[in-house]
């Protein structure tokens, strides 16, 4: 029954893949901009949460009311990861029509999304926000190199100025509006009493005990209580391993880890196959988000969130559609 319950979580991403596979490419781009719009709404809601003395502005409560930007999520890591995806999309999505204000608008929205990531105080999301920034820098560099010789110098100036403006706007806004929150975020990187390292110690032992087939999907919460060492015992009960690969090893053993490895190989192969497509940057925004999910899974469990799971389905959709259409065109 637990395995069946876990299987039902696939309904959401499968619905996204099924509905989106037959959509026109223009509609997929519109969906990408819709994700960016949801990101901005999340920040606006989060602004009200940061200014509230209680958790009344949050949807699911907060352990630290008024200090963390949560938006529509219950977990700051999920909020930060979602804003990271929106940041990657706003950097590469084509606009419905050319406009002189397009670049300043991209920079302004990007700065707001980056600010939102910082204010979540999510350490992993702050580090992972470098991925869409690197994607944006690569896209800008490719755009500049694609110009003619006469326009290359002007393009380079625009790229450098735009990148500097994005970083300056984001950093300046954070420092002016919430200098204390910035220091709180940075101080979290120095945390030496993170209880997750104790959970990982016990979880590693449990994974070895049930190797190689695992204890069964959905069994972690129950079997962890049996093998939790007394020196790591506390008043709080860990419902997750806070490392999805480790939890996968416990519940699904070698077959589960092998399946996860195949998914990573698939994402890498699709990303490589999309390299000649005119829409490759849109596809790579999807693979960048999937990579961010995989990296955050080392210290958290992002795909346990249905919204992140739906967005992962959308990221896989734009990546797979672009790759397969490119291979069909070349054939």
C-alpha atoms as a PDB file:
ATOM      1  CA  UNK A   1       0.000   0.000   0.000  1.00  0.00           C
ATOM      2  CA  UNK A   2       2.859   2.401   0.741  1.00  0.00           C
ATOM      3  CA  UNK A   3       4.459   1.610  -2.607  1.00  0.00           C
ATOM      4  CA  UNK A   4       1.119   2.157  -4.338  1.00  0.00           C
ATOM      5  CA  UNK A   5       0.692   5.454  -2.509  1.00  0.00           C
ATOM      6  CA  UNK A   6       4.158   6.557  -3.624  1.00  0.00           C
ATOM      7  CA  UNK A   7       3.312   5.532  -7.190  1.00  0.00           C
ATOM      8  CA  UNK A   8       0.321   7.875  -7.261  1.00  0.00           C
ATOM      9  CA  UNK A   9       2.726  10.808  -6.938  1.00  0.00           C
ATOM     10  CA  UNK A  10       3.658  10.182 -10.580  1.00  0.00           C
ATOM     11  CA  UNK A  11       0.176  11.235 -11.699  1.00  0.00           C
ATOM     12  CA  UNK A  12       1.167  14.905 -11.539  1.00  0.00           C
ATOM     13  CA  UNK A  13       4.328  14.873 -13.707  1.00  0.00           C
ATOM     14  CA  UNK A  14       2.812  12.318 -16.098  1.00  0.00           C
ATOM     15  CA  UNK A  15      -0.175  14.608 -16.604  1.00  0.00           C
ATOM     16  CA  UNK A  16       2.196  17.484 -17.420  1.00  0.00           C
ATOM     17  CA  UNK A  17       4.092  15.319 -19.933  1.00  0.00           C
ATOM     18  CA  UNK A  18       0.928  13.914 -21.481  1.00  0.00           C
ATOM     19  CA  UNK A  19      -0.817  17.276 -21.870  1.00  0.00           C
ATOM     20  CA  UNK A  20       2.284  19.156 -22.967  1.00  0.00           C
ATOM     21  CA  UNK A  21       3.598  16.713 -25.551  1.00  0.00           C
ATOM     22  CA  UNK A  22       1.046  17.751 -28.182  1.00  0.00           C
ATOM     23  CA  UNK A  23       1.180  21.487 -27.443  1.00  0.00           C
ATOM     24  CA  UNK A  24       2.686  23.868 -29.977  1.00  0.00           C
ATOM     25  CA  UNK A  25       6.157  25.140 -29.106  1.00  0.00           C
ATOM     26  CA  UNK A  26       4.747  28.648 -28.643  1.00  0.00           C
ATOM     27  CA  UNK A  27       2.406  27.369 -25.955  1.00  0.00           C
ATOM     28  CA  UNK A  28       5.285  25.698 -24.134  1.00  0.00           C
ATOM     29  CA  UNK A  29       7.095  29.042 -24.121  1.00  0.00           C
ATOM     30  CA  UNK A  30       3.941  30.658 -22.741  1.00  0.00           C
ATOM     31  CA  UNK A  31       3.907  28.035 -19.967  1.00  0.00           C
ATOM     32  CA  UNK A  32       7.508  28.933 -19.192  1.00  0.00           C
ATOM     33  CA  UNK A  33       6.594  32.591 -18.809  1.00  0.00           C
ATOM     34  CA  UNK A  34       3.695  31.502 -16.596  1.00  0.00           C
ATOM     35  CA  UNK A  35       6.216  29.811 -14.294  1.00  0.00           C
ATOM     36  CA  UNK A  36       8.163  33.092 -14.168  1.00  0.00           C
ATOM     37  CA  UNK A  37       4.935  34.892 -13.280  1.00  0.00           C
ATOM     38  CA  UNK A  38       4.297  32.426 -10.455  1.00  0.00           C
ATOM     39  CA  UNK A  39       7.826  33.140  -9.249  1.00  0.00           C
ATOM     40  CA  UNK A  40       7.087  36.855  -9.031  1.00  0.00           C
ATOM     41  CA  UNK A  41       3.818  36.140  -7.217  1.00  0.00           C
ATOM     42  CA  UNK A  42       5.739  33.971  -4.749  1.00  0.00           C
ATOM     43  CA  UNK A  43       8.089  36.875  -4.018  1.00  0.00           C
ATOM     44  CA  UNK A  44       5.197  39.320  -3.546  1.00  0.00           C
ATOM     45  CA  UNK A  45       3.519  36.934  -1.118  1.00  0.00           C
ATOM     46  CA  UNK A  46       6.852  36.376   0.574  1.00  0.00           C
ATOM     47  CA  UNK A  47       7.297  40.120   1.039  1.00  0.00           C
ATOM     48  CA  UNK A  48       4.090  40.162   3.087  1.00  0.00           C
ATOM     49  CA  UNK A  49       5.374  37.202   5.110  1.00  0.00           C
ATOM     50  CA  UNK A  50       8.673  38.923   5.884  1.00  0.00           C
ATOM     51  CA  UNK A  51       6.882  41.954   7.237  1.00  0.00           C
ATOM     52  CA  UNK A  52       4.381  40.029   9.358  1.00  0.00           C
ATOM     53  CA  UNK A  53       4.962  39.619  13.116  1.00  0.00           C
ATOM     54  CA  UNK A  54       3.221  36.226  13.086  1.00  0.00           C
ATOM     55  CA  UNK A  55       2.870  33.297  10.730  1.00  0.00           C
ATOM     56  CA  UNK A  56      -0.573  34.482   9.601  1.00  0.00           C
ATOM     57  CA  UNK A  57       0.702  35.372   6.117  1.00  0.00           C
ATOM     58  CA  UNK A  58       2.053  31.865   5.500  1.00  0.00           C
ATOM     59  CA  UNK A  59      -0.066  29.035   4.121  1.00  0.00           C
ATOM     60  CA  UNK A  60       1.390  26.239   6.252  1.00  0.00           C
ATOM     61  CA  UNK A  61       2.950  28.039   9.199  1.00  0.00           C
ATOM     62  CA  UNK A  62       6.593  28.841   9.856  1.00  0.00           C
ATOM     63  CA  UNK A  63       9.148  27.931  12.504  1.00  0.00           C
ATOM     64  CA  UNK A  64      10.584  31.445  12.280  1.00  0.00           C
ATOM     65  CA  UNK A  65       7.715  33.842  11.436  1.00  0.00           C
ATOM     66  CA  UNK A  66       8.682  37.031   9.640  1.00  0.00           C
ATOM     67  CA  UNK A  67      12.265  35.912   8.956  1.00  0.00           C
ATOM     68  CA  UNK A  68      11.978  33.527   5.984  1.00  0.00           C
ATOM     69  CA  UNK A  69      10.446  33.986   2.534  1.00  0.00           C
ATOM     70  CA  UNK A  70       8.266  30.931   1.917  1.00  0.00           C
ATOM     71  CA  UNK A  71       5.680  32.123  -0.601  1.00  0.00           C
ATOM     72  CA  UNK A  72       3.197  29.351  -1.326  1.00  0.00           C
ATOM     73  CA  UNK A  73       5.496  26.603  -0.003  1.00  0.00           C
ATOM     74  CA  UNK A  74       5.987  25.088   3.433  1.00  0.00           C
ATOM     75  CA  UNK A  75       9.730  24.595   3.023  1.00  0.00           C
ATOM     76  CA  UNK A  76      12.307  27.280   2.187  1.00  0.00           C
ATOM     77  CA  UNK A  77      14.385  24.849   0.136  1.00  0.00           C
ATOM     78  CA  UNK A  78      11.424  24.215  -2.154  1.00  0.00           C
ATOM     79  CA  UNK A  79      10.783  27.949  -2.474  1.00  0.00           C
ATOM     80  CA  UNK A  80      14.402  28.644  -3.339  1.00  0.00           C
ATOM     81  CA  UNK A  81      14.546  25.790  -5.864  1.00  0.00           C
ATOM     82  CA  UNK A  82      11.381  27.006  -7.567  1.00  0.00           C
ATOM     83  CA  UNK A  83      12.739  30.555  -7.822  1.00  0.00           C
ATOM     84  CA  UNK A  84      15.970  29.121  -9.255  1.00  0.00           C
ATOM     85  CA  UNK A  85      13.975  27.508 -12.080  1.00  0.00           C
ATOM     86  CA  UNK A  86      12.141  30.771 -12.740  1.00  0.00           C
ATOM     87  CA  UNK A  87      15.508  32.574 -12.827  1.00  0.00           C
ATOM     88  CA  UNK A  88      16.789  30.193 -15.486  1.00  0.00           C
ATOM     89  CA  UNK A  89      13.640  30.586 -17.574  1.00  0.00           C
ATOM     90  CA  UNK A  90      13.628  34.381 -17.534  1.00  0.00           C
ATOM     91  CA  UNK A  91      17.229  34.327 -18.771  1.00  0.00           C
ATOM     92  CA  UNK A  92      16.595  32.276 -21.921  1.00  0.00           C
ATOM     93  CA  UNK A  93      12.919  32.325 -22.881  1.00  0.00           C
ATOM     94  CA  UNK A  94      12.205  34.253 -26.094  1.00  0.00           C
ATOM     95  CA  UNK A  95       9.858  37.203 -25.766  1.00  0.00           C
ATOM     96  CA  UNK A  96       6.527  37.174 -27.629  1.00  0.00           C
ATOM     97  CA  UNK A  97       7.794  40.116 -29.689  1.00  0.00           C
ATOM     98  CA  UNK A  98      10.988  42.218 -29.785  1.00  0.00           C
ATOM     99  CA  UNK A  99      11.001  45.329 -27.602  1.00  0.00           C
ATOM    100  CA  UNK A 100      13.730  47.785 -26.535  1.00  0.00           C
ATOM    101  CA  UNK A 101      12.790  47.311 -22.884  1.00  0.00           C
ATOM    102  CA  UNK A 102      13.212  43.526 -23.028  1.00  0.00           C
ATOM    103  CA  UNK A 103      16.768  43.388 -21.659  1.00  0.00           C
ATOM    104  CA  UNK A 104      16.112  45.803 -18.748  1.00  0.00           C
ATOM    105  CA  UNK A 105      12.944  43.871 -17.929  1.00  0.00           C
ATOM    106  CA  UNK A 106      14.842  40.565 -17.886  1.00  0.00           C
ATOM    107  CA  UNK A 107      17.489  42.061 -15.631  1.00  0.00           C
ATOM    108  CA  UNK A 108      14.906  43.521 -13.254  1.00  0.00           C
ATOM    109  CA  UNK A 109      12.930  40.282 -12.979  1.00  0.00           C
ATOM    110  CA  UNK A 110      16.141  38.282 -12.625  1.00  0.00           C
ATOM    111  CA  UNK A 111      17.316  40.548  -9.816  1.00  0.00           C
ATOM    112  CA  UNK A 112      13.980  40.113  -7.998  1.00  0.00           C
ATOM    113  CA  UNK A 113      14.134  36.333  -8.313  1.00  0.00           C
ATOM    114  CA  UNK A 114      17.728  36.274  -7.095  1.00  0.00           C
ATOM    115  CA  UNK A 115      16.737  38.468  -4.167  1.00  0.00           C
ATOM    116  CA  UNK A 116      13.936  36.033  -3.371  1.00  0.00           C
ATOM    117  CA  UNK A 117      16.373  33.112  -3.313  1.00  0.00           C
ATOM    118  CA  UNK A 118      18.578  34.966  -0.817  1.00  0.00           C
ATOM    119  CA  UNK A 119      15.637  35.819   1.422  1.00  0.00           C
ATOM    120  CA  UNK A 120      14.541  32.178   1.665  1.00  0.00           C
ATOM    121  CA  UNK A 121      17.794  31.623   3.642  1.00  0.00           C
ATOM    122  CA  UNK A 122      18.124  28.290   1.843  1.00  0.00           C
ATOM    123  CA  UNK A 123      21.815  27.456   1.601  1.00  0.00           C
ATOM    124  CA  UNK A 124      21.417  24.890  -1.149  1.00  0.00           C
ATOM    125  CA  UNK A 125      19.199  27.151  -3.252  1.00  0.00           C
ATOM    126  CA  UNK A 126      21.628  30.043  -2.918  1.00  0.00           C
ATOM    127  CA  UNK A 127      24.460  27.870  -4.222  1.00  0.00           C
ATOM    128  CA  UNK A 128      22.280  26.320  -6.935  1.00  0.00           C
ATOM    129  CA  UNK A 129      21.239  29.776  -8.178  1.00  0.00           C
ATOM    130  CA  UNK A 130      24.712  29.885  -9.730  1.00  0.00           C
ATOM    131  CA  UNK A 131      23.518  27.329 -12.306  1.00  0.00           C
ATOM    132  CA  UNK A 132      20.934  29.591 -14.018  1.00  0.00           C
ATOM    133  CA  UNK A 133      23.334  32.536 -13.716  1.00  0.00           C
ATOM    134  CA  UNK A 134      25.990  30.517 -15.551  1.00  0.00           C
ATOM    135  CA  UNK A 135      23.376  29.503 -18.120  1.00  0.00           C
ATOM    136  CA  UNK A 136      22.459  33.170 -18.607  1.00  0.00           C
ATOM    137  CA  UNK A 137      26.123  34.125 -18.993  1.00  0.00           C
ATOM    138  CA  UNK A 138      26.664  31.360 -21.564  1.00  0.00           C
ATOM    139  CA  UNK A 139      23.547  32.437 -23.468  1.00  0.00           C
ATOM    140  CA  UNK A 140      24.682  36.048 -23.475  1.00  0.00           C
ATOM    141  CA  UNK A 141      28.161  35.083 -24.649  1.00  0.00           C
ATOM    142  CA  UNK A 142      26.756  32.945 -27.465  1.00  0.00           C
ATOM    143  CA  UNK A 143      24.463  35.791 -28.473  1.00  0.00           C
ATOM    144  CA  UNK A 144      27.404  38.181 -28.608  1.00  0.00           C
ATOM    145  CA  UNK A 145      29.547  35.775 -30.635  1.00  0.00           C
ATOM    146  CA  UNK A 146      26.696  35.244 -33.038  1.00  0.00           C
ATOM    147  CA  UNK A 147      26.664  38.905 -34.017  1.00  0.00           C
ATOM    148  CA  UNK A 148      28.626  40.271 -36.929  1.00  0.00           C
ATOM    149  CA  UNK A 149      32.084  41.719 -36.486  1.00  0.00           C
ATOM    150  CA  UNK A 150      30.751  45.249 -36.584  1.00  0.00           C
ATOM    151  CA  UNK A 151      28.252  44.606 -33.809  1.00  0.00           C
ATOM    152  CA  UNK A 152      30.372  42.325 -31.626  1.00  0.00           C
ATOM    153  CA  UNK A 153      31.963  45.113 -29.633  1.00  0.00           C
ATOM    154  CA  UNK A 154      28.616  46.718 -28.925  1.00  0.00           C
ATOM    155  CA  UNK A 155      27.148  43.344 -27.953  1.00  0.00           C
ATOM    156  CA  UNK A 156      30.007  42.671 -25.566  1.00  0.00           C
ATOM    157  CA  UNK A 157      29.444  45.998 -23.850  1.00  0.00           C
ATOM    158  CA  UNK A 158      25.736  45.227 -23.491  1.00  0.00           C
ATOM    159  CA  UNK A 159      26.484  41.759 -22.081  1.00  0.00           C
ATOM    160  CA  UNK A 160      28.991  43.032 -19.539  1.00  0.00           C
ATOM    161  CA  UNK A 161      26.785  45.971 -18.546  1.00  0.00           C
ATOM    162  CA  UNK A 162      23.702  43.780 -18.283  1.00  0.00           C
ATOM    163  CA  UNK A 163      25.413  41.141 -16.149  1.00  0.00           C
ATOM    164  CA  UNK A 164      26.898  43.803 -13.881  1.00  0.00           C
ATOM    165  CA  UNK A 165      23.522  45.519 -13.594  1.00  0.00           C
ATOM    166  CA  UNK A 166      21.823  42.246 -12.624  1.00  0.00           C
ATOM    167  CA  UNK A 167      24.352  41.466  -9.906  1.00  0.00           C
ATOM    168  CA  UNK A 168      24.502  45.055  -8.654  1.00  0.00           C
ATOM    169  CA  UNK A 169      20.719  45.404  -8.579  1.00  0.00           C
ATOM    170  CA  UNK A 170      20.242  42.148  -6.713  1.00  0.00           C
ATOM    171  CA  UNK A 171      23.057  42.743  -4.236  1.00  0.00           C
ATOM    172  CA  UNK A 172      22.201  46.391  -3.724  1.00  0.00           C
ATOM    173  CA  UNK A 173      18.521  45.712  -3.141  1.00  0.00           C
ATOM    174  CA  UNK A 174      19.291  43.004  -0.602  1.00  0.00           C
ATOM    175  CA  UNK A 175      21.837  45.082   1.287  1.00  0.00           C
ATOM    176  CA  UNK A 176      19.606  48.149   1.410  1.00  0.00           C
ATOM    177  CA  UNK A 177      16.338  46.447   2.305  1.00  0.00           C
ATOM    178  CA  UNK A 178      17.475  43.599   4.517  1.00  0.00           C
ATOM    179  CA  UNK A 179      21.120  43.657   5.584  1.00  0.00           C
ATOM    180  CA  UNK A 180      20.357  41.596   8.674  1.00  0.00           C
ATOM    181  CA  UNK A 181      18.668  38.875   6.611  1.00  0.00           C
ATOM    182  CA  UNK A 182      21.731  38.606   4.381  1.00  0.00           C
ATOM    183  CA  UNK A 183      23.962  38.002   7.386  1.00  0.00           C
ATOM    184  CA  UNK A 184      21.472  35.418   8.691  1.00  0.00           C
ATOM    185  CA  UNK A 185      21.674  33.566   5.379  1.00  0.00           C
ATOM    186  CA  UNK A 186      25.478  33.608   5.357  1.00  0.00           C
ATOM    187  CA  UNK A 187      25.670  32.494   8.980  1.00  0.00           C
ATOM    188  CA  UNK A 188      23.688  29.369   8.121  1.00  0.00           C
ATOM    189  CA  UNK A 189      26.662  28.170   6.055  1.00  0.00           C
ATOM    190  CA  UNK A 190      28.688  28.036   9.285  1.00  0.00           C
ATOM    191  CA  UNK A 191      26.202  25.825  11.131  1.00  0.00           C
ATOM    192  CA  UNK A 192      28.137  23.035  12.810  1.00  0.00           C
ATOM    193  CA  UNK A 193      25.270  21.476  14.742  1.00  0.00           C
ATOM    194  CA  UNK A 194      23.196  20.440  11.722  1.00  0.00           C
ATOM    195  CA  UNK A 195      21.256  17.351  12.880  1.00  0.00           C
ATOM    196  CA  UNK A 196      21.242  15.917   9.362  1.00  0.00           C
ATOM    197  CA  UNK A 197      24.753  14.561   9.738  1.00  0.00           C
ATOM    198  CA  UNK A 198      23.565  12.384  12.629  1.00  0.00           C
ATOM    199  CA  UNK A 199      20.628  11.171  10.538  1.00  0.00           C
ATOM    200  CA  UNK A 200      23.013  10.279   7.704  1.00  0.00           C
ATOM    201  CA  UNK A 201      25.175   8.214  10.040  1.00  0.00           C
ATOM    202  CA  UNK A 202      22.259   6.038  11.096  1.00  0.00           C
ATOM    203  CA  UNK A 203      20.757   5.963   7.597  1.00  0.00           C
ATOM    204  CA  UNK A 204      24.026   4.686   6.138  1.00  0.00           C
ATOM    205  CA  UNK A 205      23.979   1.790   8.586  1.00  0.00           C
ATOM    206  CA  UNK A 206      20.338   1.027   7.727  1.00  0.00           C
ATOM    207  CA  UNK A 207      21.096   1.064   3.982  1.00  0.00           C
ATOM    208  CA  UNK A 208      23.784  -1.559   4.543  1.00  0.00           C
ATOM    209  CA  UNK A 209      21.449  -3.686   6.625  1.00  0.00           C
ATOM    210  CA  UNK A 210      18.812  -3.960   3.880  1.00  0.00           C
ATOM    211  CA  UNK A 211      21.232  -4.056   0.941  1.00  0.00           C
ATOM    212  CA  UNK A 212      20.894  -4.947  -1.926  1.00  0.00           C
ATOM    213  CA  UNK A 213      17.096  -4.995  -2.406  1.00  0.00           C
ATOM    214  CA  UNK A 214      16.045  -2.405   0.175  1.00  0.00           C
ATOM    215  CA  UNK A 215      13.315  -2.394   2.794  1.00  0.00           C
ATOM    216  CA  UNK A 216      10.496  -1.298   0.487  1.00  0.00           C
ATOM    217  CA  UNK A 217       9.251   2.049  -0.812  1.00  0.00           C
ATOM    218  CA  UNK A 218       7.725   4.136   1.972  1.00  0.00           C
ATOM    219  CA  UNK A 219       9.301   2.183   4.828  1.00  0.00           C
ATOM    220  CA  UNK A 220      11.967   4.688   5.953  1.00  0.00           C
ATOM    221  CA  UNK A 221       9.981   6.377   8.714  1.00  0.00           C
ATOM    222  CA  UNK A 222       9.221   3.075  10.421  1.00  0.00           C
ATOM    223  CA  UNK A 223      12.538   1.252  10.141  1.00  0.00           C
ATOM    224  CA  UNK A 224      14.587   4.313  11.086  1.00  0.00           C
ATOM    225  CA  UNK A 225      12.981   4.293  14.527  1.00  0.00           C
ATOM    226  CA  UNK A 226      14.299   0.753  15.046  1.00  0.00           C
ATOM    227  CA  UNK A 227      17.917   1.429  14.139  1.00  0.00           C
ATOM    228  CA  UNK A 228      18.356   5.035  15.336  1.00  0.00           C
ATOM    229  CA  UNK A 229      21.369   5.055  17.669  1.00  0.00           C
ATOM    230  CA  UNK A 230      20.826   6.271  21.221  1.00  0.00           C
ATOM    231  CA  UNK A 231      23.610   8.883  20.998  1.00  0.00           C
ATOM    232  CA  UNK A 232      21.745  10.509  18.087  1.00  0.00           C
ATOM    233  CA  UNK A 233      18.336  10.363  19.743  1.00  0.00           C
ATOM    234  CA  UNK A 234      16.537  13.697  20.170  1.00  0.00           C
ATOM    235  CA  UNK A 235      13.050  15.033  20.852  1.00  0.00           C
ATOM    236  CA  UNK A 236      12.448  15.499  17.104  1.00  0.00           C
ATOM    237  CA  UNK A 237      11.667  12.534  14.843  1.00  0.00           C
ATOM    238  CA  UNK A 238      13.192  12.630  11.350  1.00  0.00           C
ATOM    239  CA  UNK A 239      10.540  11.652   8.847  1.00  0.00           C
ATOM    240  CA  UNK A 240      13.066  11.698   5.998  1.00  0.00           C
ATOM    241  CA  UNK A 241      16.743  10.934   5.548  1.00  0.00           C
ATOM    242  CA  UNK A 242      17.330  14.454   4.185  1.00  0.00           C
ATOM    243  CA  UNK A 243      19.301  12.782   1.416  1.00  0.00           C
ATOM    244  CA  UNK A 244      17.068  11.277  -1.240  1.00  0.00           C
ATOM    245  CA  UNK A 245      19.803   9.088  -2.677  1.00  0.00           C
ATOM    246  CA  UNK A 246      20.465   7.606   0.753  1.00  0.00           C
ATOM    247  CA  UNK A 247      16.766   7.138   1.408  1.00  0.00           C
ATOM    248  CA  UNK A 248      16.440   5.522  -2.015  1.00  0.00           C
ATOM    249  CA  UNK A 249      19.236   3.107  -1.114  1.00  0.00           C
ATOM    250  CA  UNK A 250      17.375   2.186   2.087  1.00  0.00           C
ATOM    251  CA  UNK A 251      13.975   1.685   0.478  1.00  0.00           C
ATOM    252  CA  UNK A 252      14.823   0.446  -3.032  1.00  0.00           C
ATOM    253  CA  UNK A 253      18.412  -0.742  -2.707  1.00  0.00           C
ATOM    254  CA  UNK A 254      20.595  -1.281  -5.754  1.00  0.00           C
ATOM    255  CA  UNK A 255      17.671  -1.333  -8.237  1.00  0.00           C
ATOM    256  CA  UNK A 256      16.525   2.095  -7.029  1.00  0.00           C
ATOM    257  CA  UNK A 257      19.983   3.625  -7.255  1.00  0.00           C
ATOM    258  CA  UNK A 258      20.418   2.075 -10.694  1.00  0.00           C
ATOM    259  CA  UNK A 259      17.158   3.624 -11.867  1.00  0.00           C
ATOM    260  CA  UNK A 260      18.221   7.022 -10.513  1.00  0.00           C
ATOM    261  CA  UNK A 261      21.524   6.684 -12.381  1.00  0.00           C
ATOM    262  CA  UNK A 262      19.657   5.892 -15.606  1.00  0.00           C
ATOM    263  CA  UNK A 263      17.589   9.058 -15.159  1.00  0.00           C
ATOM    264  CA  UNK A 264      20.756  11.126 -14.823  1.00  0.00           C
ATOM    265  CA  UNK A 265      22.188   9.496 -17.944  1.00  0.00           C
ATOM    266  CA  UNK A 266      18.953  10.194 -19.828  1.00  0.00           C
ATOM    267  CA  UNK A 267      18.987  13.882 -18.875  1.00  0.00           C
ATOM    268  CA  UNK A 268      22.622  14.147 -19.952  1.00  0.00           C
ATOM    269  CA  UNK A 269      21.941  12.410 -23.268  1.00  0.00           C
ATOM    270  CA  UNK A 270      18.908  14.585 -24.040  1.00  0.00           C
ATOM    271  CA  UNK A 271      20.907  17.715 -23.193  1.00  0.00           C
ATOM    272  CA  UNK A 272      23.658  16.662 -25.595  1.00  0.00           C
ATOM    273  CA  UNK A 273      21.148  15.776 -28.319  1.00  0.00           C
ATOM    274  CA  UNK A 274      19.627  19.261 -28.114  1.00  0.00           C
ATOM    275  CA  UNK A 275      22.916  21.081 -28.751  1.00  0.00           C
ATOM    276  CA  UNK A 276      22.183  21.821 -32.447  1.00  0.00           C
ATOM    277  CA  UNK A 277      18.566  22.894 -31.937  1.00  0.00           C
ATOM    278  CA  UNK A 278      17.581  26.579 -32.231  1.00  0.00           C
ATOM    279  CA  UNK A 279      15.635  26.002 -28.999  1.00  0.00           C
ATOM    280  CA  UNK A 280      18.596  24.465 -27.155  1.00  0.00           C
ATOM    281  CA  UNK A 281      18.757  27.200 -24.521  1.00  0.00           C
ATOM    282  CA  UNK A 282      15.157  26.555 -23.521  1.00  0.00           C
ATOM    283  CA  UNK A 283      15.929  22.840 -23.329  1.00  0.00           C
ATOM    284  CA  UNK A 284      19.033  23.510 -21.256  1.00  0.00           C
ATOM    285  CA  UNK A 285      17.032  25.595 -18.797  1.00  0.00           C
ATOM    286  CA  UNK A 286      15.084  22.387 -18.160  1.00  0.00           C
ATOM    287  CA  UNK A 287      18.199  20.244 -17.769  1.00  0.00           C
ATOM    288  CA  UNK A 288      19.717  22.897 -15.484  1.00  0.00           C
ATOM    289  CA  UNK A 289      16.680  22.662 -13.217  1.00  0.00           C
ATOM    290  CA  UNK A 290      16.809  18.860 -13.219  1.00  0.00           C
ATOM    291  CA  UNK A 291      20.492  19.049 -12.293  1.00  0.00           C
ATOM    292  CA  UNK A 292      19.623  21.458  -9.474  1.00  0.00           C
ATOM    293  CA  UNK A 293      17.028  18.965  -8.192  1.00  0.00           C
ATOM    294  CA  UNK A 294      19.593  16.164  -8.239  1.00  0.00           C
ATOM    295  CA  UNK A 295      22.131  18.274  -6.359  1.00  0.00           C
ATOM    296  CA  UNK A 296      19.638  19.478  -3.744  1.00  0.00           C
ATOM    297  CA  UNK A 297      18.569  15.863  -3.231  1.00  0.00           C
ATOM    298  CA  UNK A 298      21.946  15.275  -1.574  1.00  0.00           C
ATOM    299  CA  UNK A 299      20.822  17.276   1.468  1.00  0.00           C
ATOM    300  CA  UNK A 300      17.040  17.394   1.074  1.00  0.00           C
ATOM    301  CA  UNK A 301      14.081  15.725  -0.669  1.00  0.00           C
ATOM    302  CA  UNK A 302      12.803  18.186  -3.336  1.00  0.00           C
ATOM    303  CA  UNK A 303      10.873  15.652  -5.431  1.00  0.00           C
ATOM    304  CA  UNK A 304       8.677  14.808  -2.419  1.00  0.00           C
ATOM    305  CA  UNK A 305       7.010  18.175  -3.103  1.00  0.00           C
ATOM    306  CA  UNK A 306       4.218  17.870  -5.665  1.00  0.00           C
ATOM    307  CA  UNK A 307       4.784  21.350  -7.099  1.00  0.00           C
ATOM    308  CA  UNK A 308       8.492  20.696  -7.641  1.00  0.00           C
ATOM    309  CA  UNK A 309       7.566  17.301  -9.109  1.00  0.00           C
ATOM    310  CA  UNK A 310       5.204  19.003 -11.573  1.00  0.00           C
ATOM    311  CA  UNK A 311       7.892  21.522 -12.516  1.00  0.00           C
ATOM    312  CA  UNK A 312      10.358  18.673 -12.989  1.00  0.00           C
ATOM    313  CA  UNK A 313       7.858  17.149 -15.416  1.00  0.00           C
ATOM    314  CA  UNK A 314       7.702  20.440 -17.304  1.00  0.00           C
ATOM    315  CA  UNK A 315      11.509  20.713 -17.374  1.00  0.00           C
ATOM    316  CA  UNK A 316      11.747  17.161 -18.742  1.00  0.00           C
ATOM    317  CA  UNK A 317       9.030  18.004 -21.271  1.00  0.00           C
ATOM    318  CA  UNK A 318      10.841  20.983 -22.824  1.00  0.00           C
ATOM    319  CA  UNK A 319      14.136  19.063 -22.779  1.00  0.00           C
ATOM    320  CA  UNK A 320      12.755  15.898 -24.369  1.00  0.00           C
ATOM    321  CA  UNK A 321      10.596  17.714 -26.931  1.00  0.00           C
ATOM    322  CA  UNK A 322      13.537  19.795 -28.136  1.00  0.00           C
ATOM    323  CA  UNK A 323      15.924  16.847 -28.307  1.00  0.00           C
ATOM    324  CA  UNK A 324      13.548  14.484 -30.105  1.00  0.00           C
ATOM    325  CA  UNK A 325      12.369  17.136 -32.567  1.00  0.00           C
ATOM    326  CA  UNK A 326      15.979  17.977 -33.369  1.00  0.00           C
ATOM    327  CA  UNK A 327      16.864  14.330 -34.011  1.00  0.00           C
ATOM    328  CA  UNK A 328      13.764  13.932 -36.210  1.00  0.00           C
ATOM    329  CA  UNK A 329      14.691  17.041 -38.217  1.00  0.00           C
ATOM    330  CA  UNK A 330      18.251  15.778 -38.785  1.00  0.00           C
ATOM    331  CA  UNK A 331      16.989  12.346 -39.784  1.00  0.00           C
END
